[in-house]
Amino acid sequence: MERIEPGYTGGTVSNPTYEQVSTGTTGHAEAAQIFFDPKVISYRTILEIFFTIHDPTSLNRQGADVGTQYRSAIFYNSPEQKVTAEQLIDELEKEVIWDKPIVTSVEPLKVFYKAETYHKDYYKKHPKEPYCQAVIAPKIAKLQQHFIDKIKTPL
């Protein structure tokens, strides 16, 4: 079953809340845990999508959101995933796509804490919200432009 869960990982606080993570003091990053069938979509393709829809060169920042909780990070589940992520980063660096170096960290996934229910399907529930229009909609546009053949459900 393919699905995505919003949540938090990479920090030191057990069962963190959004309010705790948003202070930047827990060490956690806001993250999405992706459950996928590698026969349908490869891990590498998921990483290619990740690098297409966000800025991997901004340290501890994504758009107007600033802090370690917004760091660009890949949390891997296996040594193979780690190698794939590191190889892709090396390839992208050699292509010089961005003016600045990639700062995306590659970290082992230790514990993933699901976010509060109101975070799930946030864009679908609130498409007219200013944050959705300014931040999420452009990412969806990039996804549709570059990976339309990978989209299972219309966004």
C-alpha atoms as a PDB file:
ATOM      1  CA  MET A   1       0.000   0.000   0.000  1.00  0.00           C
ATOM      2  CA  GLU A   2       1.464   3.341  -1.007  1.00  0.00           C
ATOM      3  CA  ARG A   3       0.919   6.277   1.318  1.00  0.00           C
ATOM      4  CA  ILE A   4       2.614   9.315   2.796  1.00  0.00           C
ATOM      5  CA  GLU A   5       2.582  10.276   6.448  1.00  0.00           C
ATOM      6  CA  PRO A   6       3.587  13.753   7.636  1.00  0.00           C
ATOM      7  CA  GLY A   7       5.647  13.832  10.779  1.00  0.00           C
ATOM      8  CA  TYR A   8       8.892  14.520  12.562  1.00  0.00           C
ATOM      9  CA  THR A   9      12.224  12.713  12.747  1.00  0.00           C
ATOM     10  CA  GLY A  10      15.906  13.214  13.384  1.00  0.00           C
ATOM     11  CA  GLY A  11      15.649  14.735  16.854  1.00  0.00           C
ATOM     12  CA  THR A  12      15.969  13.871  20.513  1.00  0.00           C
ATOM     13  CA  VAL A  13      12.469  14.419  21.921  1.00  0.00           C
ATOM     14  CA  SER A  14      10.121  11.437  22.110  1.00  0.00           C
ATOM     15  CA  ASN A  15       6.625  11.928  20.676  1.00  0.00           C
ATOM     16  CA  PRO A  16       7.142  15.591  19.782  1.00  0.00           C
ATOM     17  CA  THR A  17       4.260  17.892  18.957  1.00  0.00           C
ATOM     18  CA  TYR A  18       4.193  20.441  16.156  1.00  0.00           C
ATOM     19  CA  GLU A  19       4.442  23.186  18.756  1.00  0.00           C
ATOM     20  CA  GLN A  20       7.637  21.622  20.157  1.00  0.00           C
ATOM     21  CA  VAL A  21       9.217  20.937  16.756  1.00  0.00           C
ATOM     22  CA  SER A  22       8.413  24.440  15.496  1.00  0.00           C
ATOM     23  CA  THR A  23      10.599  25.943  18.245  1.00  0.00           C
ATOM     24  CA  GLY A  24      13.658  24.405  16.575  1.00  0.00           C
ATOM     25  CA  THR A  25      14.876  22.997  19.894  1.00  0.00           C
ATOM     26  CA  THR A  26      13.960  19.301  19.484  1.00  0.00           C
ATOM     27  CA  GLY A  27      16.425  18.491  16.703  1.00  0.00           C
ATOM     28  CA  HIS A  28      13.583  17.071  14.623  1.00  0.00           C
ATOM     29  CA  ALA A  29      12.911  17.934  11.005  1.00  0.00           C
ATOM     30  CA  GLU A  30       9.437  18.188   9.580  1.00  0.00           C
ATOM     31  CA  ALA A  31       9.367  15.207   7.255  1.00  0.00           C
ATOM     32  CA  ALA A  32       7.218  12.922   5.162  1.00  0.00           C
ATOM     33  CA  GLN A  33       7.461   9.161   5.537  1.00  0.00           C
ATOM     34  CA  ILE A  34       6.815   7.567   2.160  1.00  0.00           C
ATOM     35  CA  PHE A  35       5.566   4.003   1.870  1.00  0.00           C
ATOM     36  CA  PHE A  36       6.007   2.820  -1.710  1.00  0.00           C
ATOM     37  CA  ASP A  37       6.164  -0.240  -3.911  1.00  0.00           C
ATOM     38  CA  PRO A  38       9.570  -0.322  -5.653  1.00  0.00           C
ATOM     39  CA  LYS A  39       7.933  -2.209  -8.525  1.00  0.00           C
ATOM     40  CA  VAL A  40       5.790   0.877  -9.155  1.00  0.00           C
ATOM     41  CA  ILE A  41       8.253   3.685  -8.370  1.00  0.00           C
ATOM     42  CA  SER A  42      11.921   3.497  -7.505  1.00  0.00           C
ATOM     43  CA  TYR A  43      13.563   5.049  -4.477  1.00  0.00           C
ATOM     44  CA  ARG A  44      15.805   7.012  -6.852  1.00  0.00           C
ATOM     45  CA  THR A  45      12.772   8.482  -8.636  1.00  0.00           C
ATOM     46  CA  ILE A  46      11.328   9.552  -5.289  1.00  0.00           C
ATOM     47  CA  LEU A  47      14.627  11.296  -4.536  1.00  0.00           C
ATOM     48  CA  GLU A  48      14.622  12.946  -7.971  1.00  0.00           C
ATOM     49  CA  ILE A  49      11.163  14.324  -7.197  1.00  0.00           C
ATOM     50  CA  PHE A  50      12.419  15.539  -3.796  1.00  0.00           C
ATOM     51  CA  PHE A  51      15.285  17.444  -5.420  1.00  0.00           C
ATOM     52  CA  THR A  52      12.997  18.899  -8.098  1.00  0.00           C
ATOM     53  CA  ILE A  53      10.356  20.357  -5.800  1.00  0.00           C
ATOM     54  CA  HIS A  54      12.446  21.980  -3.080  1.00  0.00           C
ATOM     55  CA  ASP A  55      15.652  23.971  -2.667  1.00  0.00           C
ATOM     56  CA  PRO A  56      18.391  21.611  -1.452  1.00  0.00           C
ATOM     57  CA  THR A  57      20.897  24.473  -1.170  1.00  0.00           C
ATOM     58  CA  SER A  58      19.263  26.446   1.647  1.00  0.00           C
ATOM     59  CA  LEU A  59      20.663  25.517   5.026  1.00  0.00           C
ATOM     60  CA  ASN A  60      17.903  25.199   7.613  1.00  0.00           C
ATOM     61  CA  ARG A  61      15.387  26.984   5.447  1.00  0.00           C
ATOM     62  CA  GLN A  62      12.624  26.293   2.946  1.00  0.00           C
ATOM     63  CA  GLY A  63      11.074  29.465   1.598  1.00  0.00           C
ATOM     64  CA  ALA A  64       9.966  31.676   4.458  1.00  0.00           C
ATOM     65  CA  ASP A  65      10.257  28.800   6.957  1.00  0.00           C
ATOM     66  CA  VAL A  66      13.532  29.055   8.868  1.00  0.00           C
ATOM     67  CA  GLY A  67      15.124  26.749  11.439  1.00  0.00           C
ATOM     68  CA  THR A  68      16.721  23.326  11.750  1.00  0.00           C
ATOM     69  CA  GLN A  69      13.248  21.787  11.597  1.00  0.00           C
ATOM     70  CA  TYR A  70      13.154  22.907   7.934  1.00  0.00           C
ATOM     71  CA  ARG A  71      16.526  21.452   6.966  1.00  0.00           C
ATOM     72  CA  SER A  72      16.822  19.582   3.712  1.00  0.00           C
ATOM     73  CA  ALA A  73      17.305  15.976   4.775  1.00  0.00           C
ATOM     74  CA  ILE A  74      16.916  12.442   3.527  1.00  0.00           C
ATOM     75  CA  PHE A  75      16.297   9.824   6.205  1.00  0.00           C
ATOM     76  CA  TYR A  76      17.204   6.403   4.841  1.00  0.00           C
ATOM     77  CA  ASN A  77      16.027   2.938   5.915  1.00  0.00           C
ATOM     78  CA  SER A  78      18.860   0.800   4.539  1.00  0.00           C
ATOM     79  CA  PRO A  79      22.487   0.984   3.452  1.00  0.00           C
ATOM     80  CA  GLU A  80      21.284   0.739  -0.162  1.00  0.00           C
ATOM     81  CA  GLN A  81      19.059   3.790   0.251  1.00  0.00           C
ATOM     82  CA  LYS A  82      21.968   5.709   1.784  1.00  0.00           C
ATOM     83  CA  VAL A  83      24.215   4.863  -1.171  1.00  0.00           C
ATOM     84  CA  THR A  84      21.508   5.814  -3.683  1.00  0.00           C
ATOM     85  CA  ALA A  85      20.951   9.181  -1.974  1.00  0.00           C
ATOM     86  CA  GLU A  86      24.659   9.971  -1.780  1.00  0.00           C
ATOM     87  CA  GLN A  87      25.225   8.962  -5.407  1.00  0.00           C
ATOM     88  CA  LEU A  88      22.358  11.151  -6.612  1.00  0.00           C
ATOM     89  CA  ILE A  89      23.644  14.124  -4.623  1.00  0.00           C
ATOM     90  CA  ASP A  90      27.099  13.623  -6.173  1.00  0.00           C
ATOM     91  CA  GLU A  91      25.573  13.461  -9.666  1.00  0.00           C
ATOM     92  CA  LEU A  92      23.499  16.598  -9.076  1.00  0.00           C
ATOM     93  CA  GLU A  93      26.508  18.477  -7.724  1.00  0.00           C
ATOM     94  CA  LYS A  94      28.476  17.590 -10.862  1.00  0.00           C
ATOM     95  CA  GLU A  95      25.618  18.884 -13.044  1.00  0.00           C
ATOM     96  CA  VAL A  96      25.850  22.285 -11.282  1.00  0.00           C
ATOM     97  CA  ILE A  97      22.084  22.794 -11.378  1.00  0.00           C
ATOM     98  CA  TRP A  98      22.126  25.295  -8.504  1.00  0.00           C
ATOM     99  CA  ASP A  99      24.414  28.261  -7.863  1.00  0.00           C
ATOM    100  CA  LYS A 100      25.146  27.028  -4.343  1.00  0.00           C
ATOM    101  CA  PRO A 101      26.211  23.583  -3.106  1.00  0.00           C
ATOM    102  CA  ILE A 102      23.637  21.020  -1.992  1.00  0.00           C
ATOM    103  CA  VAL A 103      23.345  20.988   1.808  1.00  0.00           C
ATOM    104  CA  THR A 104      20.881  18.090   2.052  1.00  0.00           C
ATOM    105  CA  SER A 105      21.913  15.785   4.882  1.00  0.00           C
ATOM    106  CA  VAL A 106      21.653  12.008   4.538  1.00  0.00           C
ATOM    107  CA  GLU A 107      20.733  10.560   7.924  1.00  0.00           C
ATOM    108  CA  PRO A 108      19.589   7.170   9.184  1.00  0.00           C
ATOM    109  CA  LEU A 109      15.901   6.981  10.039  1.00  0.00           C
ATOM    110  CA  LYS A 110      15.745   6.047  13.693  1.00  0.00           C
ATOM    111  CA  VAL A 111      12.229   6.911  14.807  1.00  0.00           C
ATOM    112  CA  PHE A 112       9.453   8.610  12.870  1.00  0.00           C
ATOM    113  CA  TYR A 113       6.676  10.320  14.793  1.00  0.00           C
ATOM    114  CA  LYS A 114       3.427  10.946  12.937  1.00  0.00           C
ATOM    115  CA  ALA A 115       2.271  14.543  12.910  1.00  0.00           C
ATOM    116  CA  GLU A 116      -1.035  15.603  14.308  1.00  0.00           C
ATOM    117  CA  THR A 117      -4.034  14.627  12.183  1.00  0.00           C
ATOM    118  CA  TYR A 118      -4.664  18.159  10.924  1.00  0.00           C
ATOM    119  CA  HIS A 119      -1.356  18.044   8.988  1.00  0.00           C
ATOM    120  CA  LYS A 120      -2.441  15.090   6.829  1.00  0.00           C
ATOM    121  CA  ASP A 121      -3.780  16.128   3.410  1.00  0.00           C
ATOM    122  CA  TYR A 122      -3.374  19.768   4.431  1.00  0.00           C
ATOM    123  CA  TYR A 123      -3.244  21.065   0.865  1.00  0.00           C
ATOM    124  CA  LYS A 124      -6.277  19.059  -0.178  1.00  0.00           C
ATOM    125  CA  LYS A 125      -8.217  20.420   2.798  1.00  0.00           C
ATOM    126  CA  HIS A 126      -7.019  24.045   2.510  1.00  0.00           C
ATOM    127  CA  PRO A 127      -6.039  24.771  -1.124  1.00  0.00           C
ATOM    128  CA  LYS A 128      -6.977  28.467  -0.922  1.00  0.00           C
ATOM    129  CA  GLU A 129      -4.906  29.198   2.202  1.00  0.00           C
ATOM    130  CA  PRO A 130      -2.102  31.701   1.473  1.00  0.00           C
ATOM    131  CA  TYR A 131       0.598  29.194   2.557  1.00  0.00           C
ATOM    132  CA  CYS A 132      -0.816  26.564   0.213  1.00  0.00           C
ATOM    133  CA  GLN A 133      -0.945  29.012  -2.684  1.00  0.00           C
ATOM    134  CA  ALA A 134       2.515  30.482  -2.088  1.00  0.00           C
ATOM    135  CA  VAL A 135       4.468  27.379  -1.074  1.00  0.00           C
ATOM    136  CA  ILE A 136       2.694  24.132  -1.902  1.00  0.00           C
ATOM    137  CA  ALA A 137       1.048  25.026  -5.220  1.00  0.00           C
ATOM    138  CA  PRO A 138       4.377  25.868  -6.935  1.00  0.00           C
ATOM    139  CA  LYS A 139       5.814  22.534  -5.749  1.00  0.00           C
ATOM    140  CA  ILE A 140       2.809  20.693  -7.171  1.00  0.00           C
ATOM    141  CA  ALA A 141       3.240  22.571 -10.446  1.00  0.00           C
ATOM    142  CA  LYS A 142       6.880  21.407 -10.634  1.00  0.00           C
ATOM    143  CA  LEU A 143       5.815  17.867  -9.819  1.00  0.00           C
ATOM    144  CA  GLN A 144       3.197  17.908 -12.562  1.00  0.00           C
ATOM    145  CA  GLN A 145       5.609  19.472 -15.063  1.00  0.00           C
ATOM    146  CA  HIS A 146       8.419  16.965 -14.507  1.00  0.00           C
ATOM    147  CA  PHE A 147       6.729  13.811 -13.228  1.00  0.00           C
ATOM    148  CA  ILE A 148       3.155  13.742 -14.547  1.00  0.00           C
ATOM    149  CA  ASP A 149       3.566  10.084 -15.476  1.00  0.00           C
ATOM    150  CA  LYS A 150       4.270   9.243 -11.813  1.00  0.00           C
ATOM    151  CA  ILE A 151       1.160  10.902 -10.384  1.00  0.00           C
ATOM    152  CA  LYS A 152      -1.440   8.315  -9.422  1.00  0.00           C
ATOM    153  CA  THR A 153      -4.147  10.676  -8.187  1.00  0.00           C
ATOM    154  CA  PRO A 154      -4.825  14.216  -9.421  1.00  0.00           C
ATOM    155  CA  LEU A 155      -3.540  16.820  -6.980  1.00  0.00           C
END
